[in-house]
N, C-alpha and C. Protein backbone atom coordinates (compact mmCIF):
# COMPACT_ATOMS: atom_id res chain seq x y z
N MET A 1 -112.27 288.70 -22.10
CA MET A 1 -111.96 288.47 -20.70
C MET A 1 -110.51 287.98 -20.60
N ALA A 2 -109.80 288.45 -19.62
CA ALA A 2 -108.40 288.08 -19.41
C ALA A 2 -108.30 286.64 -18.93
N LYS A 3 -107.21 285.99 -19.30
CA LYS A 3 -106.98 284.62 -18.87
C LYS A 3 -106.60 284.60 -17.40
N THR A 4 -107.13 283.62 -16.69
CA THR A 4 -106.77 283.43 -15.29
C THR A 4 -105.61 282.44 -15.22
N VAL A 5 -105.04 282.32 -14.05
CA VAL A 5 -103.99 281.33 -13.85
C VAL A 5 -104.53 279.93 -14.14
N PHE A 6 -105.80 279.71 -13.86
CA PHE A 6 -106.42 278.42 -14.15
C PHE A 6 -106.42 278.16 -15.64
N ASP A 7 -106.75 279.17 -16.43
CA ASP A 7 -106.77 279.02 -17.89
C ASP A 7 -105.38 278.70 -18.44
N VAL A 8 -104.39 279.40 -17.93
CA VAL A 8 -103.02 279.19 -18.39
C VAL A 8 -102.56 277.77 -18.07
N LEU A 9 -102.80 277.34 -16.84
CA LEU A 9 -102.41 275.98 -16.45
C LEU A 9 -103.17 274.93 -17.26
N ASP A 10 -104.45 275.16 -17.47
CA ASP A 10 -105.25 274.22 -18.25
C ASP A 10 -104.71 274.10 -19.67
N ASP A 11 -104.36 275.22 -20.27
CA ASP A 11 -103.80 275.20 -21.62
C ASP A 11 -102.48 274.43 -21.66
N ARG A 12 -101.64 274.62 -20.66
CA ARG A 12 -100.35 273.93 -20.63
C ARG A 12 -100.52 272.43 -20.43
N ILE A 13 -101.44 272.05 -19.57
CA ILE A 13 -101.69 270.63 -19.36
C ILE A 13 -102.28 270.00 -20.62
N ALA A 14 -103.21 270.70 -21.26
CA ALA A 14 -103.81 270.19 -22.51
C ALA A 14 -102.74 269.99 -23.57
N LYS A 15 -101.79 270.92 -23.66
CA LYS A 15 -100.70 270.82 -24.64
C LYS A 15 -99.80 269.62 -24.31
N ALA A 16 -99.52 269.41 -23.04
CA ALA A 16 -98.69 268.27 -22.64
C ALA A 16 -99.39 266.95 -22.96
N ILE A 17 -100.69 266.89 -22.76
CA ILE A 17 -101.45 265.70 -23.13
C ILE A 17 -101.36 265.47 -24.62
N GLN A 18 -101.55 266.53 -25.39
CA GLN A 18 -101.50 266.43 -26.85
C GLN A 18 -100.13 265.92 -27.33
N VAL A 19 -99.08 266.44 -26.75
CA VAL A 19 -97.72 266.03 -27.14
C VAL A 19 -97.52 264.53 -26.87
N ASN A 20 -97.97 264.07 -25.72
CA ASN A 20 -97.82 262.66 -25.38
C ASN A 20 -98.70 261.77 -26.24
N GLU A 21 -99.91 262.23 -26.56
CA GLU A 21 -100.78 261.46 -27.45
C GLU A 21 -100.16 261.35 -28.84
N GLU A 22 -99.58 262.44 -29.33
CA GLU A 22 -98.93 262.40 -30.63
C GLU A 22 -97.72 261.47 -30.62
N PHE A 23 -96.99 261.45 -29.51
CA PHE A 23 -95.86 260.55 -29.36
C PHE A 23 -96.31 259.10 -29.51
N VAL A 24 -97.40 258.75 -28.83
CA VAL A 24 -97.91 257.38 -28.88
C VAL A 24 -98.45 257.05 -30.27
N THR A 25 -99.27 257.92 -30.81
CA THR A 25 -99.92 257.62 -32.09
C THR A 25 -98.96 257.64 -33.27
N SER A 26 -97.82 258.30 -33.12
CA SER A 26 -96.85 258.33 -34.21
C SER A 26 -95.85 257.18 -34.13
N GLY A 27 -96.04 256.31 -33.14
CA GLY A 27 -95.14 255.17 -33.01
C GLY A 27 -93.89 255.47 -32.21
N GLY A 28 -93.90 256.55 -31.47
CA GLY A 28 -92.73 256.94 -30.68
C GLY A 28 -92.40 255.96 -29.57
N ALA A 29 -93.42 255.30 -29.06
CA ALA A 29 -93.20 254.31 -28.00
C ALA A 29 -92.82 252.99 -28.67
N ARG A 30 -91.55 252.68 -28.66
CA ARG A 30 -91.05 251.51 -29.39
C ARG A 30 -91.13 250.22 -28.59
N THR A 31 -91.35 250.34 -27.29
CA THR A 31 -91.47 249.15 -26.43
C THR A 31 -92.77 249.23 -25.64
N LEU A 32 -93.16 248.12 -25.08
CA LEU A 32 -94.35 248.09 -24.24
C LEU A 32 -94.16 249.00 -23.02
N GLU A 33 -92.96 249.00 -22.48
CA GLU A 33 -92.68 249.85 -21.31
C GLU A 33 -92.81 251.33 -21.67
N GLY A 34 -92.32 251.71 -22.85
CA GLY A 34 -92.45 253.09 -23.29
C GLY A 34 -93.89 253.49 -23.51
N TYR A 35 -94.66 252.56 -24.07
CA TYR A 35 -96.08 252.80 -24.29
C TYR A 35 -96.81 252.97 -22.96
N LYS A 36 -96.51 252.08 -22.01
CA LYS A 36 -97.15 252.16 -20.69
C LYS A 36 -96.80 253.46 -19.99
N GLU A 37 -95.54 253.87 -20.11
CA GLU A 37 -95.12 255.12 -19.47
C GLU A 37 -95.86 256.31 -20.07
N ALA A 38 -95.93 256.37 -21.39
CA ALA A 38 -96.62 257.48 -22.05
C ALA A 38 -98.10 257.49 -21.68
N CYS A 39 -98.72 256.32 -21.63
CA CYS A 39 -100.13 256.24 -21.24
C CYS A 39 -100.32 256.69 -19.80
N GLY A 40 -99.38 256.34 -18.92
CA GLY A 40 -99.45 256.77 -17.53
C GLY A 40 -99.33 258.28 -17.41
N VAL A 41 -98.46 258.86 -18.20
CA VAL A 41 -98.31 260.32 -18.19
C VAL A 41 -99.61 260.98 -18.65
N ILE A 42 -100.18 260.46 -19.72
CA ILE A 42 -101.45 261.00 -20.22
C ILE A 42 -102.54 260.88 -19.16
N ARG A 43 -102.62 259.72 -18.53
CA ARG A 43 -103.63 259.50 -17.50
C ARG A 43 -103.44 260.46 -16.33
N GLY A 44 -102.20 260.65 -15.90
CA GLY A 44 -101.92 261.56 -14.79
C GLY A 44 -102.24 263.00 -15.13
N LEU A 45 -101.87 263.40 -16.34
CA LEU A 45 -102.17 264.77 -16.76
C LEU A 45 -103.67 265.00 -16.88
N ALA A 46 -104.39 264.00 -17.38
CA ALA A 46 -105.85 264.13 -17.50
C ALA A 46 -106.48 264.28 -16.12
N LEU A 47 -105.98 263.52 -15.15
CA LEU A 47 -106.48 263.63 -13.78
C LEU A 47 -106.19 265.02 -13.22
N ALA A 48 -104.97 265.49 -13.42
CA ALA A 48 -104.60 266.82 -12.93
C ALA A 48 -105.47 267.89 -13.58
N ARG A 49 -105.74 267.73 -14.87
CA ARG A 49 -106.56 268.71 -15.58
C ARG A 49 -107.98 268.74 -15.03
N ARG A 50 -108.57 267.57 -14.77
CA ARG A 50 -109.92 267.54 -14.19
C ARG A 50 -109.94 268.19 -12.80
N GLU A 51 -108.93 267.92 -12.00
CA GLU A 51 -108.86 268.52 -10.66
C GLU A 51 -108.73 270.04 -10.77
N LEU A 52 -107.89 270.50 -11.69
CA LEU A 52 -107.72 271.94 -11.90
C LEU A 52 -109.03 272.58 -12.34
N GLN A 53 -109.74 271.94 -13.25
CA GLN A 53 -111.01 272.49 -13.74
C GLN A 53 -112.05 272.54 -12.62
N ASP A 54 -112.08 271.52 -11.76
CA ASP A 54 -112.99 271.54 -10.61
C ASP A 54 -112.63 272.67 -9.65
N LEU A 55 -111.34 272.82 -9.39
CA LEU A 55 -110.88 273.87 -8.50
C LEU A 55 -111.23 275.24 -9.06
N ALA A 56 -111.02 275.44 -10.36
CA ALA A 56 -111.34 276.71 -11.00
C ALA A 56 -112.84 277.00 -10.91
N LYS A 57 -113.64 275.98 -11.16
CA LYS A 57 -115.10 276.16 -11.10
C LYS A 57 -115.53 276.57 -9.69
N ASN A 58 -115.01 275.86 -8.69
CA ASN A 58 -115.37 276.19 -7.31
C ASN A 58 -114.89 277.58 -6.92
N TYR A 59 -113.70 277.95 -7.35
CA TYR A 59 -113.17 279.27 -7.05
C TYR A 59 -114.03 280.36 -7.68
N MET A 60 -114.41 280.16 -8.94
CA MET A 60 -115.21 281.16 -9.64
C MET A 60 -116.59 281.30 -9.01
N GLU A 61 -117.16 280.18 -8.57
CA GLU A 61 -118.47 280.23 -7.92
C GLU A 61 -118.38 280.99 -6.60
N GLU A 62 -117.29 280.81 -5.86
CA GLU A 62 -117.12 281.51 -4.59
C GLU A 62 -116.92 283.01 -4.79
N THR A 63 -116.21 283.38 -5.83
CA THR A 63 -115.95 284.80 -6.06
C THR A 63 -117.15 285.51 -6.65
N ASP A 64 -118.09 284.76 -7.22
CA ASP A 64 -119.31 285.38 -7.77
C ASP A 64 -120.28 285.79 -6.68
N ASP A 65 -120.14 285.22 -5.50
CA ASP A 65 -121.06 285.53 -4.40
C ASP A 65 -120.79 286.86 -3.77
């Protein structure tokens, strides 16, 4: 099955989350502020990803009818 725009966006968001998680776990955040910023980015991306997945699910359900 061909990838939808939802799949492409989900993959990109997942990759961005992974990059930020690796930054934190590898010690890239040298200050508390840097750590908080990276965690905020991860939290925001995770929220965006959940919203995108809900939107994709609702869209697919509507098109199946």
